[in-house]
Amino acid sequence: MGIREGLLVLLGDGPKYGYQLKVDFEAATGEAWPLNVGQVYTTLQRLERDGLVAEADTDDEGRVSYALTDVGRGEFIDWMTTAEKRAVPARDEVAMKVLLAASSAGVVDPSVVIDEQRRATMANLQEYTRLRSKTENAADGDGDLAWLLQLDRLILLRQAELRWLDDAEERLAATRPTRNQQPESDRAKTREGQS
């Protein structure tokens, strides 16, 4: 998604001026995507050039409102009703650390990486859960809906990360050779170290 698509969706409710679109965009994305008002006006100019929006009117303060054209309405409906096709997800720092630790020749114990990340992810999950509870208790209408939806998403992502860390730890434990499966040369080194 880009700013373009977001503005088209917001204009689906009716004509709006640039700063109003900025505020509505940030609220609709649960404050996860702050915008510069200059980005909004630049995008509106491009949308107007492409025939997707048109100037609607100017208020007493000189603010120009923009409205969707029929072509713009069709484009935003197409965008909203077309499922996103996700191929390979973007690289994830946590996954890369665990994968590299698992592939390293004993340089870093993967269980240490997993344990440290588990603690950080759990703390993050608890913070999001506290924020959701606080927001739900203070909710005064639909204004907090986007933020609550965003918090739900973040909580589920952290829960999924914790589950993946647990699964990774189990898989690594299952694939590590036990003491009896170690090659004789490795067992000899272990015995020498204990002497």
N, C-alpha and C. Protein backbone atom coordinates (compact mmCIF):
# COMPACT_ATOMS: atom_id res chain seq x y z
N MET A 1 0.83 -1.18 0.00
CA MET A 1 0.00 0.00 0.00
C MET A 1 0.87 1.23 0.00
N GLY A 2 0.40 2.21 -0.67
CA GLY A 2 1.08 3.49 -0.67
C GLY A 2 0.14 4.58 -0.16
N ILE A 3 0.67 5.78 -0.06
CA ILE A 3 -0.14 6.92 0.36
C ILE A 3 -1.27 7.12 -0.63
N ARG A 4 -0.98 6.91 -1.90
CA ARG A 4 -1.97 7.07 -2.97
C ARG A 4 -3.25 6.29 -2.66
N GLU A 5 -3.10 5.00 -2.39
CA GLU A 5 -4.25 4.14 -2.13
C GLU A 5 -4.98 4.58 -0.86
N GLY A 6 -4.22 4.94 0.16
CA GLY A 6 -4.83 5.38 1.41
C GLY A 6 -5.67 6.63 1.22
N LEU A 7 -5.17 7.59 0.45
CA LEU A 7 -5.94 8.81 0.21
C LEU A 7 -7.19 8.53 -0.59
N LEU A 8 -7.08 7.66 -1.59
CA LEU A 8 -8.27 7.32 -2.37
C LEU A 8 -9.35 6.72 -1.48
N VAL A 9 -8.96 5.82 -0.58
CA VAL A 9 -9.93 5.20 0.32
C VAL A 9 -10.57 6.27 1.21
N LEU A 10 -9.76 7.16 1.77
CA LEU A 10 -10.30 8.20 2.66
C LEU A 10 -11.22 9.15 1.91
N LEU A 11 -10.93 9.43 0.65
CA LEU A 11 -11.80 10.30 -0.14
C LEU A 11 -13.10 9.61 -0.52
N GLY A 12 -13.15 8.31 -0.34
CA GLY A 12 -14.39 7.57 -0.59
C GLY A 12 -15.52 8.01 0.34
N ASP A 13 -15.16 8.60 1.49
CA ASP A 13 -16.16 9.11 2.44
C ASP A 13 -16.72 10.46 2.03
N GLY A 14 -16.03 11.12 1.12
CA GLY A 14 -16.46 12.45 0.69
C GLY A 14 -15.27 13.38 0.56
N PRO A 15 -15.48 14.58 0.01
CA PRO A 15 -14.38 15.52 -0.22
C PRO A 15 -13.67 15.91 1.07
N LYS A 16 -12.35 16.07 0.95
CA LYS A 16 -11.52 16.48 2.09
C LYS A 16 -10.36 17.31 1.57
N TYR A 17 -9.84 18.16 2.44
CA TYR A 17 -8.65 18.93 2.09
C TYR A 17 -7.41 18.22 2.64
N GLY A 18 -6.23 18.67 2.24
CA GLY A 18 -4.98 17.98 2.52
C GLY A 18 -4.70 17.68 3.98
N TYR A 19 -4.78 18.69 4.85
CA TYR A 19 -4.45 18.44 6.25
C TYR A 19 -5.45 17.48 6.88
N GLN A 20 -6.71 17.60 6.49
CA GLN A 20 -7.74 16.69 6.99
C GLN A 20 -7.41 15.25 6.59
N LEU A 21 -6.92 15.06 5.36
CA LEU A 21 -6.52 13.73 4.89
C LEU A 21 -5.34 13.20 5.70
N LYS A 22 -4.38 14.07 6.01
CA LYS A 22 -3.23 13.67 6.82
C LYS A 22 -3.68 13.12 8.17
N VAL A 23 -4.54 13.89 8.86
CA VAL A 23 -5.03 13.49 10.18
C VAL A 23 -5.83 12.20 10.10
N ASP A 24 -6.72 12.12 9.10
CA ASP A 24 -7.55 10.92 8.94
C ASP A 24 -6.71 9.69 8.60
N PHE A 25 -5.67 9.87 7.76
CA PHE A 25 -4.78 8.76 7.38
C PHE A 25 -4.07 8.21 8.61
N GLU A 26 -3.53 9.09 9.42
CA GLU A 26 -2.81 8.66 10.62
C GLU A 26 -3.75 7.95 11.59
N ALA A 27 -4.96 8.47 11.75
CA ALA A 27 -5.93 7.83 12.65
C ALA A 27 -6.35 6.47 12.08
N ALA A 28 -6.57 6.40 10.78
CA ALA A 28 -7.04 5.16 10.15
C ALA A 28 -5.98 4.06 10.19
N THR A 29 -4.71 4.43 10.25
CA THR A 29 -3.64 3.44 10.31
C THR A 29 -3.19 3.18 11.74
N GLY A 30 -3.98 3.62 12.71
CA GLY A 30 -3.62 3.38 14.11
C GLY A 30 -2.35 4.08 14.50
N GLU A 31 -2.11 5.24 13.90
CA GLU A 31 -0.91 6.05 14.16
C GLU A 31 0.38 5.34 13.77
N ALA A 32 0.28 4.25 13.03
CA ALA A 32 1.46 3.47 12.65
C ALA A 32 2.18 4.10 11.46
N TRP A 33 1.53 5.02 10.75
CA TRP A 33 2.13 5.60 9.56
C TRP A 33 1.95 7.11 9.59
N PRO A 34 2.87 7.83 10.21
CA PRO A 34 2.77 9.29 10.22
C PRO A 34 3.08 9.86 8.83
N LEU A 35 2.36 10.89 8.47
CA LEU A 35 2.55 11.53 7.16
C LEU A 35 2.99 12.97 7.32
N ASN A 36 3.76 13.41 6.36
CA ASN A 36 4.09 14.82 6.22
C ASN A 36 3.00 15.41 5.34
N VAL A 37 2.47 16.55 5.70
CA VAL A 37 1.38 17.14 4.93
C VAL A 37 1.82 17.44 3.50
N GLY A 38 3.11 17.68 3.31
CA GLY A 38 3.64 17.90 1.96
C GLY A 38 3.48 16.66 1.09
N GLN A 39 3.65 15.48 1.69
CA GLN A 39 3.44 14.23 0.95
C GLN A 39 2.00 14.12 0.49
N VAL A 40 1.09 14.56 1.33
CA VAL A 40 -0.33 14.48 1.00
C VAL A 40 -0.63 15.36 -0.21
N TYR A 41 -0.15 16.60 -0.19
CA TYR A 41 -0.45 17.52 -1.30
C TYR A 41 0.24 17.08 -2.59
N THR A 42 1.45 16.56 -2.49
CA THR A 42 2.13 16.05 -3.68
C THR A 42 1.35 14.88 -4.27
N THR A 43 0.89 13.99 -3.41
CA THR A 43 0.11 12.83 -3.87
C THR A 43 -1.21 13.28 -4.47
N LEU A 44 -1.86 14.26 -3.86
CA LEU A 44 -3.13 14.78 -4.41
C LEU A 44 -2.91 15.37 -5.81
N GLN A 45 -1.81 16.07 -6.01
CA GLN A 45 -1.51 16.61 -7.34
C GLN A 45 -1.37 15.50 -8.37
N ARG A 46 -0.68 14.42 -7.99
CA ARG A 46 -0.52 13.29 -8.91
C ARG A 46 -1.86 12.61 -9.19
N LEU A 47 -2.67 12.45 -8.14
CA LEU A 47 -3.98 11.84 -8.32
C LEU A 47 -4.86 12.70 -9.24
N GLU A 48 -4.75 14.01 -9.09
CA GLU A 48 -5.52 14.91 -9.96
C GLU A 48 -5.00 14.82 -11.40
N ARG A 49 -3.71 14.79 -11.57
CA ARG A 49 -3.10 14.65 -12.90
C ARG A 49 -3.57 13.36 -13.58
N ASP A 50 -3.71 12.28 -12.79
CA ASP A 50 -4.10 10.98 -13.33
C ASP A 50 -5.61 10.82 -13.47
N GLY A 51 -6.37 11.86 -13.13
CA GLY A 51 -7.82 11.82 -13.28
C GLY A 51 -8.55 11.04 -12.21
N LEU A 52 -7.90 10.80 -11.07
CA LEU A 52 -8.52 10.02 -10.00
C LEU A 52 -9.23 10.88 -8.97
N VAL A 53 -8.81 12.14 -8.84
CA VAL A 53 -9.48 13.10 -7.97
C VAL A 53 -9.63 14.41 -8.72
N ALA A 54 -10.52 15.24 -8.21
CA ALA A 54 -10.70 16.59 -8.78
C ALA A 54 -10.98 17.55 -7.64
N GLU A 55 -10.64 18.82 -7.86
CA GLU A 55 -10.96 19.82 -6.84
C GLU A 55 -12.46 19.88 -6.68
N ALA A 56 -12.92 19.91 -5.44
CA ALA A 56 -14.36 19.95 -5.17
C ALA A 56 -14.82 21.37 -4.88
N ASP A 57 -14.20 21.99 -3.86
CA ASP A 57 -14.53 23.36 -3.53
C ASP A 57 -13.45 23.94 -2.64
N THR A 58 -13.60 25.22 -2.34
CA THR A 58 -12.67 25.91 -1.48
C THR A 58 -13.47 26.51 -0.33
N ASP A 59 -13.01 26.28 0.90
CA ASP A 59 -13.75 26.81 2.05
C ASP A 59 -13.38 28.26 2.32
N ASP A 60 -13.97 28.85 3.36
CA ASP A 60 -13.75 30.26 3.70
C ASP A 60 -12.30 30.56 4.07
N GLU A 61 -11.58 29.53 4.47
CA GLU A 61 -10.17 29.72 4.84
C GLU A 61 -9.22 29.45 3.68
N GLY A 62 -9.76 29.20 2.51
CA GLY A 62 -8.95 28.98 1.32
C GLY A 62 -8.45 27.56 1.14
N ARG A 63 -8.96 26.63 1.92
CA ARG A 63 -8.54 25.24 1.81
C ARG A 63 -9.32 24.57 0.68
N VAL A 64 -8.56 23.95 -0.22
CA VAL A 64 -9.17 23.27 -1.37
C VAL A 64 -9.48 21.83 -0.99
N SER A 65 -10.73 21.43 -1.18
CA SER A 65 -11.13 20.04 -0.94
C SER A 65 -11.05 19.27 -2.25
N TYR A 66 -10.71 17.99 -2.12
CA TYR A 66 -10.64 17.11 -3.28
C TYR A 66 -11.68 16.01 -3.13
N ALA A 67 -12.20 15.57 -4.27
CA ALA A 67 -13.19 14.50 -4.30
C ALA A 67 -12.76 13.46 -5.31
N LEU A 68 -13.21 12.24 -5.09
CA LEU A 68 -12.93 11.16 -6.04
C LEU A 68 -13.69 11.38 -7.33
N THR A 69 -13.05 11.01 -8.42
CA THR A 69 -13.77 10.92 -9.69
C THR A 69 -14.31 9.49 -9.79
N ASP A 70 -15.10 9.23 -10.80
CA ASP A 70 -15.59 7.86 -10.99
C ASP A 70 -14.43 6.89 -11.22
N VAL A 71 -13.43 7.36 -11.96
CA VAL A 71 -12.24 6.52 -12.20
C VAL A 71 -11.51 6.25 -10.89
N GLY A 72 -11.39 7.27 -10.05
CA GLY A 72 -10.73 7.12 -8.75
C GLY A 72 -11.49 6.17 -7.85
N ARG A 73 -12.82 6.28 -7.85
CA ARG A 73 -13.64 5.37 -7.03
C ARG A 73 -13.44 3.93 -7.50
N GLY A 74 -13.43 3.71 -8.80
CA GLY A 74 -13.21 2.37 -9.33
C GLY A 74 -11.85 1.82 -8.95
N GLU A 75 -10.82 2.68 -9.00
CA GLU A 75 -9.47 2.23 -8.64
C GLU A 75 -9.37 1.85 -7.16
N PHE A 76 -9.96 2.67 -6.30
CA PHE A 76 -9.85 2.34 -4.87
C PHE A 76 -10.66 1.10 -4.54
N ILE A 77 -11.81 0.90 -5.18
CA ILE A 77 -12.59 -0.32 -4.93
C ILE A 77 -11.84 -1.55 -5.43
N ASP A 78 -11.22 -1.44 -6.60
CA ASP A 78 -10.41 -2.56 -7.12
C ASP A 78 -9.28 -2.89 -6.16
N TRP A 79 -8.60 -1.85 -5.66
CA TRP A 79 -7.46 -2.06 -4.77
C TRP A 79 -7.93 -2.73 -3.47
N MET A 80 -9.01 -2.24 -2.90
CA MET A 80 -9.50 -2.76 -1.62
C MET A 80 -9.99 -4.21 -1.74
N THR A 81 -10.55 -4.56 -2.89
CA THR A 81 -11.15 -5.89 -3.02
C THR A 81 -10.24 -6.91 -3.70
N THR A 82 -9.00 -6.53 -3.96
CA THR A 82 -8.03 -7.47 -4.52
C THR A 82 -7.11 -7.93 -3.38
N ALA A 83 -7.06 -9.24 -3.17
CA ALA A 83 -6.23 -9.79 -2.10
C ALA A 83 -4.75 -9.55 -2.39
N GLU A 84 -4.00 -9.31 -1.33
CA GLU A 84 -2.55 -9.15 -1.44
C GLU A 84 -1.92 -10.52 -1.63
N LYS A 85 -1.05 -10.63 -2.60
CA LYS A 85 -0.32 -11.87 -2.82
C LYS A 85 1.06 -11.71 -2.20
N ARG A 86 1.29 -12.49 -1.20
CA ARG A 86 2.57 -12.37 -0.50
C ARG A 86 3.45 -13.54 -0.89
N ALA A 87 4.54 -13.23 -1.48
CA ALA A 87 5.50 -14.27 -1.83
C ALA A 87 6.36 -14.53 -0.59
N VAL A 88 7.63 -14.40 -0.71
CA VAL A 88 8.54 -14.59 0.42
C VAL A 88 8.50 -13.31 1.26
N PRO A 89 8.26 -13.45 2.55
CA PRO A 89 8.21 -12.25 3.39
C PRO A 89 9.58 -11.57 3.45
N ALA A 90 9.54 -10.30 3.78
CA ALA A 90 10.78 -9.55 3.91
C ALA A 90 11.64 -10.17 5.01
N ARG A 91 12.92 -9.91 4.93
CA ARG A 91 13.83 -10.42 5.96
C ARG A 91 13.41 -9.89 7.32
N ASP A 92 13.59 -10.71 8.31
CA ASP A 92 13.24 -10.37 9.67
C ASP A 92 14.50 -10.54 10.51
N GLU A 93 14.86 -9.51 11.24
CA GLU A 93 16.10 -9.51 12.02
C GLU A 93 16.15 -10.66 13.03
N VAL A 94 15.04 -10.91 13.71
CA VAL A 94 15.01 -11.99 14.70
C VAL A 94 15.27 -13.34 14.02
N ALA A 95 14.56 -13.59 12.94
CA ALA A 95 14.75 -14.86 12.23
C ALA A 95 16.18 -15.00 11.73
N MET A 96 16.76 -13.93 11.20
CA MET A 96 18.12 -14.00 10.68
C MET A 96 19.11 -14.34 11.79
N LYS A 97 18.95 -13.75 12.97
CA LYS A 97 19.85 -14.06 14.09
C LYS A 97 19.77 -15.53 14.47
N VAL A 98 18.53 -16.05 14.59
CA VAL A 98 18.37 -17.44 14.99
C VAL A 98 18.93 -18.37 13.91
N LEU A 99 18.63 -18.08 12.65
CA LEU A 99 19.12 -18.93 11.56
C LEU A 99 20.64 -18.92 11.48
N LEU A 100 21.24 -17.76 11.62
CA LEU A 100 22.70 -17.68 11.57
C LEU A 100 23.34 -18.36 12.77
N ALA A 101 22.74 -18.19 13.95
CA ALA A 101 23.28 -18.86 15.14
C ALA A 101 23.19 -20.37 14.99
N ALA A 102 22.09 -20.84 14.41
CA ALA A 102 21.91 -22.29 14.21
C ALA A 102 22.90 -22.82 13.19
N SER A 103 23.30 -21.99 12.24
CA SER A 103 24.22 -22.43 11.19
C SER A 103 25.68 -22.24 11.55
N SER A 104 25.96 -21.46 12.58
CA SER A 104 27.35 -21.20 12.94
C SER A 104 27.94 -22.43 13.61
N ALA A 105 29.20 -22.57 13.49
CA ALA A 105 29.90 -23.74 14.04
C ALA A 105 30.22 -23.51 15.51
N GLY A 106 29.20 -23.36 16.31
CA GLY A 106 29.41 -23.22 17.74
C GLY A 106 29.89 -21.86 18.18
N VAL A 107 29.90 -20.88 17.28
CA VAL A 107 30.36 -19.54 17.64
C VAL A 107 29.41 -18.92 18.66
N VAL A 108 28.13 -19.07 18.41
CA VAL A 108 27.10 -18.56 19.31
C VAL A 108 26.09 -19.68 19.54
N ASP A 109 25.74 -19.91 20.78
CA ASP A 109 24.76 -20.94 21.09
C ASP A 109 23.38 -20.41 20.70
N PRO A 110 22.70 -21.07 19.77
CA PRO A 110 21.38 -20.60 19.34
C PRO A 110 20.38 -20.48 20.49
N SER A 111 20.52 -21.32 21.51
CA SER A 111 19.57 -21.25 22.63
C SER A 111 19.73 -19.93 23.39
N VAL A 112 20.93 -19.38 23.42
CA VAL A 112 21.14 -18.08 24.07
C VAL A 112 20.42 -16.99 23.26
N VAL A 113 20.57 -17.04 21.95
CA VAL A 113 19.90 -16.07 21.07
C VAL A 113 18.38 -16.17 21.26
N ILE A 114 17.87 -17.40 21.27
CA ILE A 114 16.43 -17.63 21.42
C ILE A 114 15.94 -17.16 22.78
N ASP A 115 16.67 -17.47 23.85
CA ASP A 115 16.25 -17.05 25.19
C ASP A 115 16.20 -15.53 25.33
N GLU A 116 17.23 -14.85 24.82
CA GLU A 116 17.27 -13.39 24.91
C GLU A 116 16.11 -12.78 24.12
N GLN A 117 15.87 -13.31 22.93
CA GLN A 117 14.79 -12.77 22.12
C GLN A 117 13.43 -13.08 22.75
N ARG A 118 13.31 -14.24 23.33
CA ARG A 118 12.04 -14.61 23.97
C ARG A 118 11.71 -13.61 25.09
N ARG A 119 12.70 -13.25 25.89
CA ARG A 119 12.48 -12.27 26.96
C ARG A 119 12.04 -10.92 26.40
N ALA A 120 12.72 -10.47 25.35
CA ALA A 120 12.39 -9.17 24.75
C ALA A 120 11.01 -9.20 24.10
N THR A 121 10.69 -10.29 23.41
CA THR A 121 9.39 -10.40 22.76
C THR A 121 8.28 -10.49 23.79
N MET A 122 8.50 -11.21 24.87
CA MET A 122 7.50 -11.31 25.94
C MET A 122 7.25 -9.95 26.57
N ALA A 123 8.30 -9.19 26.82
CA ALA A 123 8.14 -7.84 27.39
C ALA A 123 7.35 -6.95 26.43
N ASN A 124 7.65 -7.06 25.16
CA ASN A 124 6.95 -6.30 24.14
C ASN A 124 5.47 -6.69 24.09
N LEU A 125 5.21 -7.98 24.15
CA LEU A 125 3.83 -8.49 24.15
C LEU A 125 3.07 -7.97 25.37
N GLN A 126 3.70 -7.98 26.52
CA GLN A 126 3.04 -7.48 27.73
C GLN A 126 2.72 -5.99 27.63
N GLU A 127 3.63 -5.23 27.04
CA GLU A 127 3.39 -3.79 26.86
C GLU A 127 2.22 -3.55 25.92
N TYR A 128 2.17 -4.26 24.80
CA TYR A 128 1.04 -4.11 23.87
C TYR A 128 -0.27 -4.52 24.52
N THR A 129 -0.23 -5.56 25.34
CA THR A 129 -1.44 -6.03 26.02
C THR A 129 -1.91 -4.98 27.02
N ARG A 130 -0.98 -4.35 27.75
CA ARG A 130 -1.35 -3.27 28.68
C ARG A 130 -1.95 -2.09 27.92
N LEU A 131 -1.32 -1.73 26.80
CA LEU A 131 -1.84 -0.62 25.99
C LEU A 131 -3.25 -0.91 25.48
N ARG A 132 -3.48 -2.14 25.04
CA ARG A 132 -4.81 -2.51 24.54
C ARG A 132 -5.84 -2.39 25.67
N SER A 133 -5.50 -2.90 26.83
CA SER A 133 -6.42 -2.83 27.96
C SER A 133 -6.71 -1.38 28.34
N LYS A 134 -5.69 -0.57 28.38
CA LYS A 134 -5.84 0.85 28.71
C LYS A 134 -6.71 1.55 27.67
N THR A 135 -6.48 1.25 26.40
CA THR A 135 -7.24 1.87 25.32
C THR A 135 -8.69 1.42 25.35
N GLU A 136 -8.92 0.13 25.59
CA GLU A 136 -10.30 -0.38 25.68
C GLU A 136 -11.07 0.27 26.82
N ASN A 137 -10.41 0.48 27.94
CA ASN A 137 -11.06 1.08 29.10
C ASN A 137 -11.33 2.56 28.91
N ALA A 138 -10.53 3.21 28.06
CA ALA A 138 -10.71 4.64 27.82
C ALA A 138 -11.45 4.91 26.52
N ALA A 139 -11.83 3.87 25.80
CA ALA A 139 -12.47 4.04 24.49
C ALA A 139 -13.73 4.87 24.62
N ASP A 140 -13.82 5.87 23.75
CA ASP A 140 -14.99 6.74 23.76
C ASP A 140 -15.67 6.77 22.39
N GLY A 141 -15.47 5.71 21.62
CA GLY A 141 -16.10 5.66 20.31
C GLY A 141 -15.21 5.02 19.29
N ASP A 142 -15.53 5.27 18.04
CA ASP A 142 -14.78 4.66 16.94
C ASP A 142 -13.39 5.26 16.74
N GLY A 143 -13.10 6.38 17.40
CA GLY A 143 -11.81 7.02 17.23
C GLY A 143 -10.64 6.12 17.59
N ASP A 144 -10.87 5.20 18.53
CA ASP A 144 -9.80 4.31 18.97
C ASP A 144 -9.81 2.98 18.24
N LEU A 145 -10.77 2.76 17.35
CA LEU A 145 -10.91 1.47 16.68
C LEU A 145 -9.65 1.09 15.89
N ALA A 146 -9.12 2.03 15.12
CA ALA A 146 -7.93 1.72 14.32
C ALA A 146 -6.75 1.35 15.22
N TRP A 147 -6.58 2.08 16.32
CA TRP A 147 -5.48 1.80 17.24
C TRP A 147 -5.67 0.44 17.89
N LEU A 148 -6.91 0.10 18.28
CA LEU A 148 -7.17 -1.21 18.87
C LEU A 148 -6.90 -2.33 17.86
N LEU A 149 -7.31 -2.13 16.63
CA LEU A 149 -7.03 -3.14 15.60
C LEU A 149 -5.53 -3.30 15.40
N GLN A 150 -4.81 -2.18 15.41
CA GLN A 150 -3.35 -2.23 15.26
C GLN A 150 -2.72 -2.96 16.44
N LEU A 151 -3.19 -2.68 17.65
CA LEU A 151 -2.66 -3.38 18.83
C LEU A 151 -2.95 -4.87 18.76
N ASP A 152 -4.17 -5.24 18.32
CA ASP A 152 -4.49 -6.66 18.15
C ASP A 152 -3.50 -7.33 17.20
N ARG A 153 -3.21 -6.65 16.10
CA ARG A 153 -2.26 -7.18 15.10
C ARG A 153 -0.87 -7.35 15.72
N LEU A 154 -0.41 -6.34 16.44
CA LEU A 154 0.92 -6.40 17.05
C LEU A 154 1.00 -7.50 18.10
N ILE A 155 -0.05 -7.68 18.87
CA ILE A 155 -0.09 -8.74 19.88
C ILE A 155 -0.01 -10.11 19.20
N LEU A 156 -0.79 -10.29 18.15
CA LEU A 156 -0.76 -11.58 17.44
C LEU A 156 0.60 -11.84 16.81
N LEU A 157 1.24 -10.80 16.28
CA LEU A 157 2.58 -10.98 15.70
C LEU A 157 3.58 -11.41 16.77
N ARG A 158 3.50 -10.80 17.96
CA ARG A 158 4.43 -11.17 19.03
C ARG A 158 4.14 -12.59 19.52
N GLN A 159 2.86 -12.96 19.59
CA GLN A 159 2.51 -14.33 19.99
C GLN A 159 3.05 -15.33 18.97
N ALA A 160 2.93 -14.99 17.70
CA ALA A 160 3.45 -15.87 16.65
C ALA A 160 4.98 -15.97 16.75
N GLU A 161 5.63 -14.86 17.05
CA GLU A 161 7.09 -14.90 17.18
C GLU A 161 7.50 -15.79 18.36
N LEU A 162 6.78 -15.69 19.47
CA LEU A 162 7.08 -16.55 20.62
C LEU A 162 6.90 -18.02 20.26
N ARG A 163 5.85 -18.31 19.54
CA ARG A 163 5.62 -19.71 19.14
C ARG A 163 6.74 -20.19 18.22
N TRP A 164 7.15 -19.34 17.27
CA TRP A 164 8.22 -19.71 16.36
C TRP A 164 9.53 -19.94 17.13
N LEU A 165 9.81 -19.09 18.11
CA LEU A 165 11.02 -19.27 18.91
C LEU A 165 10.97 -20.60 19.66
N ASP A 166 9.81 -20.94 20.21
CA ASP A 166 9.66 -22.24 20.89
C ASP A 166 9.87 -23.39 19.91
N ASP A 167 9.26 -23.30 18.73
CA ASP A 167 9.42 -24.35 17.71
C ASP A 167 10.87 -24.47 17.26
N ALA A 168 11.52 -23.31 17.08
CA ALA A 168 12.93 -23.33 16.66
C ALA A 168 13.79 -24.00 17.73
N GLU A 169 13.53 -23.68 18.98
CA GLU A 169 14.29 -24.27 20.07
C GLU A 169 14.09 -25.79 20.10
N GLU A 170 12.85 -26.25 19.93
CA GLU A 170 12.58 -27.68 19.92
C GLU A 170 13.27 -28.38 18.74
N ARG A 171 13.22 -27.77 17.58
CA ARG A 171 13.84 -28.37 16.40
C ARG A 171 15.35 -28.44 16.57
N LEU A 172 15.93 -27.38 17.10
CA LEU A 172 17.38 -27.38 17.32
C LEU A 172 17.76 -28.45 18.35
N ALA A 173 16.99 -28.57 19.40
CA ALA A 173 17.28 -29.59 20.42
C ALA A 173 17.17 -30.99 19.83
N ALA A 174 16.22 -31.20 18.96
CA ALA A 174 16.03 -32.52 18.35
C ALA A 174 17.13 -32.87 17.36
N THR A 175 17.78 -31.88 16.78
CA THR A 175 18.80 -32.15 15.77
C THR A 175 20.21 -32.12 16.34
N ARG A 176 20.37 -31.64 17.56
CA ARG A 176 21.71 -31.65 18.18
C ARG A 176 22.10 -33.08 18.52
N PRO A 177 23.31 -33.46 18.22
CA PRO A 177 23.72 -34.82 18.58
C PRO A 177 23.82 -34.96 20.11
N THR A 178 23.37 -36.08 20.60
CA THR A 178 23.51 -36.35 22.04
C THR A 178 24.95 -36.76 22.29
N ARG A 179 25.31 -36.90 23.54
CA ARG A 179 26.68 -37.25 23.90
C ARG A 179 27.09 -38.58 23.26
N ASN A 180 26.20 -39.55 23.21
CA ASN A 180 26.53 -40.85 22.62
C ASN A 180 26.62 -40.80 21.10
N GLN A 181 26.00 -39.77 20.50
CA GLN A 181 26.04 -39.68 19.04
C GLN A 181 27.23 -38.86 18.55
N GLN A 182 27.95 -38.21 19.46
CA GLN A 182 29.08 -37.40 19.03
C GLN A 182 30.16 -38.28 18.45
N PRO A 183 30.84 -37.77 17.41
CA PRO A 183 31.97 -38.53 16.89
C PRO A 183 33.02 -38.73 17.99
N GLU A 184 33.78 -39.84 17.90
CA GLU A 184 34.78 -40.17 18.92
C GLU A 184 35.77 -39.03 19.13
N SER A 185 36.17 -38.35 18.06
CA SER A 185 37.15 -37.26 18.21
C SER A 185 36.58 -36.15 19.09
N ASP A 186 35.27 -35.84 18.93
CA ASP A 186 34.64 -34.80 19.75
C ASP A 186 34.52 -35.25 21.21
N ARG A 187 34.21 -36.53 21.43
CA ARG A 187 34.10 -37.04 22.80
C ARG A 187 35.47 -36.99 23.47
N ALA A 188 36.53 -37.29 22.72
CA ALA A 188 37.87 -37.24 23.29
C ALA A 188 38.21 -35.80 23.71
N LYS A 189 37.85 -34.83 22.87
CA LYS A 189 38.12 -33.42 23.22
C LYS A 189 37.35 -33.03 24.48
N THR A 190 36.13 -33.52 24.59
CA THR A 190 35.31 -33.22 25.78
C THR A 190 35.95 -33.81 27.01
N ARG A 191 36.45 -35.08 26.92
CA ARG A 191 37.09 -35.72 28.06
C ARG A 191 38.36 -34.98 28.44
N GLU A 192 39.15 -34.52 27.44
CA GLU A 192 40.38 -33.79 27.73
C GLU A 192 40.07 -32.49 28.45
N GLY A 193 38.99 -31.81 28.05
CA GLY A 193 38.60 -30.56 28.69
C GLY A 193 38.17 -30.74 30.12
N GLN A 194 37.66 -31.93 30.46
CA GLN A 194 37.19 -32.19 31.81
C GLN A 194 38.34 -32.61 32.72
N SER A 195 39.44 -33.01 32.14
CA SER A 195 40.57 -33.47 32.97
C SER A 195 41.33 -32.32 33.58
